[in-house]
Amino acid sequence: METKKNEPGVVISWEEKMKEYVEIKGDAELVKKWWENIDTLACVYLWFVVTGL
């Protein structure tokens, strides 16, 4: 399995997630913005779970 470094605060990068979609119909920037928001929440959640805060 190949590991890829993400930016700090990113669980799954938008570029990685885009590979799962064949085509985005509509506003791709809006989808990207929402994905990045959800990914940030996932990162914060994982941080609290791992650190036990």
Protein backbone atom coordinates (compact mmCIF):
# COMPACT_ATOMS: atom_id res chain seq x y z
CA MET A 1 0.00 0.00 0.00
CA GLU A 2 1.34 3.37 -0.99
CA THR A 3 1.25 6.09 1.64
CA LYS A 4 0.90 9.68 0.61
CA LYS A 5 1.64 12.71 2.78
CA ASN A 6 -1.25 15.12 3.16
CA GLU A 7 -1.14 18.69 4.28
CA PRO A 8 -1.49 19.17 8.05
CA GLY A 9 -5.15 19.08 9.02
CA VAL A 10 -6.20 16.98 6.02
CA VAL A 11 -7.41 13.39 6.31
CA ILE A 12 -8.31 12.78 2.63
CA SER A 13 -7.30 15.50 0.20
CA TRP A 14 -9.75 16.86 -2.35
CA GLU A 15 -7.47 15.66 -5.14
CA GLU A 16 -7.66 12.12 -3.74
CA LYS A 17 -11.44 12.29 -3.32
CA MET A 18 -11.92 13.65 -6.87
CA LYS A 19 -10.54 10.37 -8.26
CA GLU A 20 -13.69 8.62 -6.96
CA TYR A 21 -16.03 10.79 -9.05
CA VAL A 22 -16.58 10.28 -12.75
CA GLU A 23 -18.04 13.74 -13.27
CA ILE A 24 -19.39 16.46 -11.02
CA LYS A 25 -22.49 18.04 -12.46
CA GLY A 26 -23.02 21.49 -11.07
CA ASP A 27 -20.70 23.70 -9.09
CA ALA A 28 -17.46 21.75 -8.52
CA GLU A 29 -16.04 24.53 -6.34
CA LEU A 30 -19.03 24.25 -4.00
CA VAL A 31 -18.51 20.49 -3.71
CA LYS A 32 -14.80 21.05 -3.05
CA LYS A 33 -15.55 23.64 -0.34
CA TRP A 34 -17.98 21.29 1.43
CA TRP A 35 -15.57 18.36 1.16
CA GLU A 36 -12.78 20.40 2.72
CA ASN A 37 -15.10 21.53 5.55
CA ILE A 38 -16.19 17.96 6.30
CA ASP A 39 -12.60 16.72 6.09
CA THR A 40 -11.50 19.38 8.59
CA LEU A 41 -14.18 18.22 11.02
CA ALA A 42 -12.97 14.63 10.59
CA CYS A 43 -9.42 15.72 11.35
CA VAL A 44 -10.50 17.55 14.52
CA TYR A 45 -12.54 14.55 15.64
CA LEU A 46 -9.64 12.16 15.08
CA TRP A 47 -7.28 14.52 16.90
CA PHE A 48 -9.52 14.50 19.99
CA VAL A 49 -9.96 10.72 19.87
CA VAL A 50 -6.22 10.07 19.55
CA THR A 51 -5.12 12.58 22.18
CA GLY A 52 -7.95 11.71 24.59
CA LEU A 53 -8.89 15.33 25.25
